[in-house]
Amino acid sequence: MPPAAVRVREPLCEARAALDRLDQEHTQGERAIRDLEHALIAYEMLGSARAGDFEQALDRYVRFYREHM
């Protein structure tokens, strides 16, 4: 492969890896939001018995969001 072709492909490979990572993080984020929604609904419906579950789901989501940004 000519050197120019290698120089062009390297950034593309790096970009592809970054985009793959972002896709995976967005999938995880969607799951975390869904888990948080379910925990909130359970807390709203069942009361304080589910407060701990909601707090844990919220902590997980906030941690994920901060790492993602």
PDB file of N, CA and C in Angstrom:
ATOM      1  N   MET A   1       0.857  -1.173   0.000  1.00  0.00           N
ATOM      2  CA  MET A   1       0.000   0.000   0.000  1.00  0.00           C
ATOM      3  C   MET A   1       0.903   1.237   0.000  1.00  0.00           C
ATOM      4  N   PRO A   2       0.619   2.202  -0.846  1.00  0.00           N
ATOM      5  CA  PRO A   2       1.427   3.424  -0.897  1.00  0.00           C
ATOM      6  C   PRO A   2       1.345   4.196   0.418  1.00  0.00           C
ATOM      7  N   PRO A   3       2.406   4.885   0.805  1.00  0.00           N
ATOM      8  CA  PRO A   3       2.418   5.626   2.081  1.00  0.00           C
ATOM      9  C   PRO A   3       1.267   6.622   2.211  1.00  0.00           C
ATOM     10  N   ALA A   4       0.880   7.272   1.114  1.00  0.00           N
ATOM     11  CA  ALA A   4      -0.224   8.239   1.185  1.00  0.00           C
ATOM     12  C   ALA A   4      -1.517   7.539   1.585  1.00  0.00           C
ATOM     13  N   ALA A   5      -1.731   6.350   1.074  1.00  0.00           N
ATOM     14  CA  ALA A   5      -2.941   5.600   1.408  1.00  0.00           C
ATOM     15  C   ALA A   5      -2.953   5.245   2.890  1.00  0.00           C
ATOM     16  N   VAL A   6      -1.802   4.912   3.438  1.00  0.00           N
ATOM     17  CA  VAL A   6      -1.709   4.588   4.867  1.00  0.00           C
ATOM     18  C   VAL A   6      -2.038   5.820   5.698  1.00  0.00           C
ATOM     19  N   ARG A   7      -1.519   6.968   5.301  1.00  0.00           N
ATOM     20  CA  ARG A   7      -1.787   8.213   6.050  1.00  0.00           C
ATOM     21  C   ARG A   7      -3.269   8.574   6.016  1.00  0.00           C
ATOM     22  N   VAL A   8      -3.939   8.252   4.936  1.00  0.00           N
ATOM     23  CA  VAL A   8      -5.369   8.545   4.826  1.00  0.00           C
ATOM     24  C   VAL A   8      -6.182   7.561   5.651  1.00  0.00           C
ATOM     25  N   ARG A   9      -5.783   6.314   5.652  1.00  0.00           N
ATOM     26  CA  ARG A   9      -6.563   5.283   6.351  1.00  0.00           C
ATOM     27  C   ARG A   9      -6.435   5.345   7.869  1.00  0.00           C
ATOM     28  N   GLU A  10      -5.287   5.746   8.374  1.00  0.00           N
ATOM     29  CA  GLU A  10      -5.093   5.754   9.831  1.00  0.00           C
ATOM     30  C   GLU A  10      -6.137   6.598  10.555  1.00  0.00           C
ATOM     31  N   PRO A  11      -6.359   7.864  10.145  1.00  0.00           N
ATOM     32  CA  PRO A  11      -7.394   8.642  10.841  1.00  0.00           C
ATOM     33  C   PRO A  11      -8.789   8.037  10.681  1.00  0.00           C
ATOM     34  N   LEU A  12      -9.037   7.397   9.532  1.00  0.00           N
ATOM     35  CA  LEU A  12     -10.341   6.768   9.341  1.00  0.00           C
ATOM     36  C   LEU A  12     -10.546   5.632  10.324  1.00  0.00           C
ATOM     37  N   CYS A  13      -9.504   4.866  10.569  1.00  0.00           N
ATOM     38  CA  CYS A  13      -9.593   3.768  11.546  1.00  0.00           C
ATOM     39  C   CYS A  13      -9.826   4.314  12.948  1.00  0.00           C
ATOM     40  N   GLU A  14      -9.123   5.395  13.281  1.00  0.00           N
ATOM     41  CA  GLU A  14      -9.301   6.011  14.597  1.00  0.00           C
ATOM     42  C   GLU A  14     -10.720   6.565  14.738  1.00  0.00           C
ATOM     43  N   ALA A  15     -11.208   7.203  13.673  1.00  0.00           N
ATOM     44  CA  ALA A  15     -12.564   7.752  13.711  1.00  0.00           C
ATOM     45  C   ALA A  15     -13.586   6.625  13.835  1.00  0.00           C
ATOM     46  N   ARG A  16     -13.380   5.560  13.118  1.00  0.00           N
ATOM     47  CA  ARG A  16     -14.304   4.426  13.184  1.00  0.00           C
ATOM     48  C   ARG A  16     -14.361   3.869  14.603  1.00  0.00           C
ATOM     49  N   ALA A  17     -13.210   3.736  15.238  1.00  0.00           N
ATOM     50  CA  ALA A  17     -13.178   3.220  16.610  1.00  0.00           C
ATOM     51  C   ALA A  17     -13.913   4.162  17.563  1.00  0.00           C
ATOM     52  N   ALA A  18     -13.707   5.459  17.384  1.00  0.00           N
ATOM     53  CA  ALA A  18     -14.387   6.437  18.238  1.00  0.00           C
ATOM     54  C   ALA A  18     -15.892   6.390  18.012  1.00  0.00           C
ATOM     55  N   LEU A  19     -16.307   6.291  16.769  1.00  0.00           N
ATOM     56  CA  LEU A  19     -17.739   6.221  16.463  1.00  0.00           C
ATOM     57  C   LEU A  19     -18.366   4.932  16.988  1.00  0.00           C
ATOM     58  N   ASP A  20     -17.634   3.836  16.896  1.00  0.00           N
ATOM     59  CA  ASP A  20     -18.130   2.570  17.453  1.00  0.00           C
ATOM     60  C   ASP A  20     -18.321   2.683  18.958  1.00  0.00           C
ATOM     61  N   ARG A  21     -17.340   3.327  19.632  1.00  0.00           N
ATOM     62  CA  ARG A  21     -17.429   3.509  21.078  1.00  0.00           C
ATOM     63  C   ARG A  21     -18.642   4.379  21.426  1.00  0.00           C
ATOM     64  N   LEU A  22     -18.864   5.459  20.661  1.00  0.00           N
ATOM     65  CA  LEU A  22     -20.002   6.331  20.925  1.00  0.00           C
ATOM     66  C   LEU A  22     -21.324   5.607  20.705  1.00  0.00           C
ATOM     67  N   ASP A  23     -21.399   4.793  19.659  1.00  0.00           N
ATOM     68  CA  ASP A  23     -22.615   4.007  19.433  1.00  0.00           C
ATOM     69  C   ASP A  23     -22.907   3.106  20.624  1.00  0.00           C
ATOM     70  N   GLN A  24     -21.864   2.461  21.121  1.00  0.00           N
ATOM     71  CA  GLN A  24     -22.030   1.570  22.273  1.00  0.00           C
ATOM     72  C   GLN A  24     -22.461   2.369  23.510  1.00  0.00           C
ATOM     73  N   GLU A  25     -21.860   3.531  23.725  1.00  0.00           N
ATOM     74  CA  GLU A  25     -22.231   4.352  24.872  1.00  0.00           C
ATOM     75  C   GLU A  25     -23.676   4.833  24.764  1.00  0.00           C
ATOM     76  N   HIS A  26     -24.113   5.179  23.567  1.00  0.00           N
ATOM     77  CA  HIS A  26     -25.494   5.629  23.395  1.00  0.00           C
ATOM     78  C   HIS A  26     -26.477   4.496  23.670  1.00  0.00           C
ATOM     79  N   THR A  27     -26.128   3.295  23.270  1.00  0.00           N
ATOM     80  CA  THR A  27     -26.964   2.137  23.582  1.00  0.00           C
ATOM     81  C   THR A  27     -27.031   1.937  25.094  1.00  0.00           C
ATOM     82  N   GLN A  28     -25.889   2.053  25.760  1.00  0.00           N
ATOM     83  CA  GLN A  28     -25.864   1.921  27.220  1.00  0.00           C
ATOM     84  C   GLN A  28     -26.681   3.032  27.875  1.00  0.00           C
ATOM     85  N   GLY A  29     -26.595   4.242  27.307  1.00  0.00           N
ATOM     86  CA  GLY A  29     -27.345   5.371  27.851  1.00  0.00           C
ATOM     87  C   GLY A  29     -28.836   5.166  27.738  1.00  0.00           C
ATOM     88  N   GLU A  30     -29.274   4.639  26.603  1.00  0.00           N
ATOM     89  CA  GLU A  30     -30.699   4.357  26.428  1.00  0.00           C
ATOM     90  C   GLU A  30     -31.171   3.343  27.465  1.00  0.00           C
ATOM     91  N   ARG A  31     -30.344   2.340  27.692  1.00  0.00           N
ATOM     92  CA  ARG A  31     -30.683   1.313  28.691  1.00  0.00           C
ATOM     93  C   ARG A  31     -30.722   1.927  30.092  1.00  0.00           C
ATOM     94  N   ALA A  32     -29.761   2.794  30.395  1.00  0.00           N
ATOM     95  CA  ALA A  32     -29.708   3.423  31.717  1.00  0.00           C
ATOM     96  C   ALA A  32     -30.922   4.319  31.946  1.00  0.00           C
ATOM     97  N   ILE A  33     -31.349   5.031  30.906  1.00  0.00           N
ATOM     98  CA  ILE A  33     -32.538   5.874  31.028  1.00  0.00           C
ATOM     99  C   ILE A  33     -33.776   5.016  31.256  1.00  0.00           C
ATOM    100  N   ARG A  34     -33.883   3.931  30.522  1.00  0.00           N
ATOM    101  CA  ARG A  34     -35.021   3.026  30.690  1.00  0.00           C
ATOM    102  C   ARG A  34     -35.042   2.455  32.113  1.00  0.00           C
ATOM    103  N   ASP A  35     -33.879   2.032  32.613  1.00  0.00           N
ATOM    104  CA  ASP A  35     -33.798   1.508  33.987  1.00  0.00           C
ATOM    105  C   ASP A  35     -34.195   2.578  34.995  1.00  0.00           C
ATOM    106  N   LEU A  36     -33.759   3.808  34.755  1.00  0.00           N
ATOM    107  CA  LEU A  36     -34.098   4.913  35.649  1.00  0.00           C
ATOM    108  C   LEU A  36     -35.605   5.181  35.616  1.00  0.00           C
ATOM    109  N   GLU A  37     -36.184   5.163  34.433  1.00  0.00           N
ATOM    110  CA  GLU A  37     -37.634   5.357  34.316  1.00  0.00           C
ATOM    111  C   GLU A  37     -38.397   4.273  35.067  1.00  0.00           C
ATOM    112  N   HIS A  38     -37.970   3.031  34.906  1.00  0.00           N
ATOM    113  CA  HIS A  38     -38.649   1.926  35.604  1.00  0.00           C
ATOM    114  C   HIS A  38     -38.523   2.071  37.118  1.00  0.00           C
ATOM    115  N   ALA A  39     -37.340   2.466  37.562  1.00  0.00           N
ATOM    116  CA  ALA A  39     -37.134   2.644  39.000  1.00  0.00           C
ATOM    117  C   ALA A  39     -37.985   3.792  39.536  1.00  0.00           C
ATOM    118  N   LEU A  40     -38.118   4.856  38.751  1.00  0.00           N
ATOM    119  CA  LEU A  40     -38.952   5.986  39.175  1.00  0.00           C
ATOM    120  C   LEU A  40     -40.425   5.579  39.245  1.00  0.00           C
ATOM    121  N   ILE A  41     -40.894   4.861  38.251  1.00  0.00           N
ATOM    122  CA  ILE A  41     -42.290   4.410  38.261  1.00  0.00           C
ATOM    123  C   ILE A  41     -42.557   3.510  39.467  1.00  0.00           C
ATOM    124  N   ALA A  42     -41.623   2.607  39.742  1.00  0.00           N
ATOM    125  CA  ALA A  42     -41.785   1.722  40.909  1.00  0.00           C
ATOM    126  C   ALA A  42     -41.824   2.536  42.191  1.00  0.00           C
ATOM    127  N   TYR A  43     -40.974   3.539  42.281  1.00  0.00           N
ATOM    128  CA  TYR A  43     -40.953   4.406  43.465  1.00  0.00           C
ATOM    129  C   TYR A  43     -42.270   5.170  43.597  1.00  0.00           C
ATOM    130  N   GLU A  44     -42.768   5.699  42.471  1.00  0.00           N
ATOM    131  CA  GLU A  44     -44.038   6.427  42.496  1.00  0.00           C
ATOM    132  C   GLU A  44     -45.200   5.521  42.888  1.00  0.00           C
ATOM    133  N   MET A  45     -45.179   4.288  42.400  1.00  0.00           N
ATOM    134  CA  MET A  45     -46.302   3.376  42.639  1.00  0.00           C
ATOM    135  C   MET A  45     -46.228   2.675  43.996  1.00  0.00           C
ATOM    136  N   LEU A  46     -45.016   2.335  44.422  1.00  0.00           N
ATOM    137  CA  LEU A  46     -44.866   1.506  45.626  1.00  0.00           C
ATOM    138  C   LEU A  46     -44.318   2.268  46.829  1.00  0.00           C
ATOM    139  N   GLY A  47     -43.913   3.500  46.594  1.00  0.00           N
ATOM    140  CA  GLY A  47     -43.480   4.338  47.714  1.00  0.00           C
ATOM    141  C   GLY A  47     -42.049   4.105  48.169  1.00  0.00           C
ATOM    142  N   SER A  48     -41.837   4.443  49.415  1.00  0.00           N
ATOM    143  CA  SER A  48     -40.482   4.499  49.965  1.00  0.00           C
ATOM    144  C   SER A  48     -39.737   3.161  49.937  1.00  0.00           C
ATOM    145  N   ALA A  49     -40.464   2.066  49.827  1.00  0.00           N
ATOM    146  CA  ALA A  49     -39.798   0.760  49.748  1.00  0.00           C
ATOM    147  C   ALA A  49     -38.899   0.686  48.516  1.00  0.00           C
ATOM    148  N   ARG A  50     -39.190   1.488  47.505  1.00  0.00           N
ATOM    149  CA  ARG A  50     -38.405   1.471  46.263  1.00  0.00           C
ATOM    150  C   ARG A  50     -37.493   2.688  46.116  1.00  0.00           C
ATOM    151  N   ALA A  51     -37.394   3.497  47.153  1.00  0.00           N
ATOM    152  CA  ALA A  51     -36.561   4.695  47.082  1.00  0.00           C
ATOM    153  C   ALA A  51     -35.094   4.340  46.854  1.00  0.00           C
ATOM    154  N   GLY A  52     -34.600   3.324  47.520  1.00  0.00           N
ATOM    155  CA  GLY A  52     -33.196   2.916  47.373  1.00  0.00           C
ATOM    156  C   GLY A  52     -32.873   2.467  45.959  1.00  0.00           C
ATOM    157  N   ASP A  53     -33.793   1.717  45.363  1.00  0.00           N
ATOM    158  CA  ASP A  53     -33.590   1.272  43.982  1.00  0.00           C
ATOM    159  C   ASP A  53     -33.521   2.466  43.029  1.00  0.00           C
ATOM    160  N   PHE A  54     -34.403   3.450  43.258  1.00  0.00           N
ATOM    161  CA  PHE A  54     -34.396   4.638  42.416  1.00  0.00           C
ATOM    162  C   PHE A  54     -33.094   5.409  42.593  1.00  0.00           C
ATOM    163  N   GLU A  55     -32.651   5.583  43.819  1.00  0.00           N
ATOM    164  CA  GLU A  55     -31.401   6.304  44.078  1.00  0.00           C
ATOM    165  C   GLU A  55     -30.212   5.609  43.412  1.00  0.00           C
ATOM    166  N   GLN A  56     -30.179   4.294  43.476  1.00  0.00           N
ATOM    167  CA  GLN A  56     -29.091   3.555  42.832  1.00  0.00           C
ATOM    168  C   GLN A  56     -29.124   3.723  41.314  1.00  0.00           C
ATOM    169  N   ALA A  57     -30.312   3.645  40.731  1.00  0.00           N
ATOM    170  CA  ALA A  57     -30.444   3.823  39.280  1.00  0.00           C
ATOM    171  C   ALA A  57     -30.030   5.233  38.884  1.00  0.00           C
ATOM    172  N   LEU A  58     -30.399   6.205  39.686  1.00  0.00           N
ATOM    173  CA  LEU A  58     -30.018   7.590  39.410  1.00  0.00           C
ATOM    174  C   LEU A  58     -28.507   7.761  39.505  1.00  0.00           C
ATOM    175  N   ASP A  59     -27.900   7.203  40.528  1.00  0.00           N
ATOM    176  CA  ASP A  59     -26.439   7.272  40.668  1.00  0.00           C
ATOM    177  C   ASP A  59     -25.733   6.639  39.471  1.00  0.00           C
ATOM    178  N   ARG A  60     -26.224   5.469  39.035  1.00  0.00           N
ATOM    179  CA  ARG A  60     -25.615   4.805  37.873  1.00  0.00           C
ATOM    180  C   ARG A  60     -25.717   5.680  36.630  1.00  0.00           C
ATOM    181  N   TYR A  61     -26.890   6.279  36.433  1.00  0.00           N
ATOM    182  CA  TYR A  61     -27.078   7.105  35.242  1.00  0.00           C
ATOM    183  C   TYR A  61     -26.183   8.351  35.286  1.00  0.00           C
ATOM    184  N   VAL A  62     -26.131   9.012  36.423  1.00  0.00           N
ATOM    185  CA  VAL A  62     -25.299  10.218  36.549  1.00  0.00           C
ATOM    186  C   VAL A  62     -23.833   9.876  36.318  1.00  0.00           C
ATOM    187  N   ARG A  63     -23.372   8.775  36.874  1.00  0.00           N
ATOM    188  CA  ARG A  63     -21.982   8.339  36.669  1.00  0.00           C
ATOM    189  C   ARG A  63     -21.717   8.077  35.193  1.00  0.00           C
ATOM    190  N   PHE A  64     -22.631   7.351  34.555  1.00  0.00           N
ATOM    191  CA  PHE A  64     -22.485   7.063  33.131  1.00  0.00           C
ATOM    192  C   PHE A  64     -22.447   8.361  32.321  1.00  0.00           C
ATOM    193  N   TYR A  65     -23.373   9.257  32.606  1.00  0.00           N
ATOM    194  CA  TYR A  65     -23.483  10.502  31.840  1.00  0.00           C
ATOM    195  C   TYR A  65     -22.213  11.333  31.970  1.00  0.00           C
ATOM    196  N   ARG A  66     -21.685  11.432  33.168  1.00  0.00           N
ATOM    197  CA  ARG A  66     -20.457  12.211  33.384  1.00  0.00           C
ATOM    198  C   ARG A  66     -19.283  11.597  32.635  1.00  0.00           C
ATOM    199  N   GLU A  67     -19.172  10.285  32.653  1.00  0.00           N
ATOM    200  CA  GLU A  67     -18.086   9.620  31.929  1.00  0.00           C
ATOM    201  C   GLU A  67     -18.248   9.801  30.428  1.00  0.00           C
ATOM    202  N   HIS A  68     -19.493   9.773  29.962  1.00  0.00           N
ATOM    203  CA  HIS A  68     -19.767   9.911  28.534  1.00  0.00           C
ATOM    204  C   HIS A  68     -19.409  11.307  28.036  1.00  0.00           C
ATOM    205  N   MET A  69     -19.708  12.313  28.827  1.00  0.00           N
ATOM    206  CA  MET A  69     -19.444  13.683  28.403  1.00  0.00           C
ATOM    207  C   MET A  69     -17.976  14.002  28.613  1.00  0.00           C
TER     208      MET A  69
END
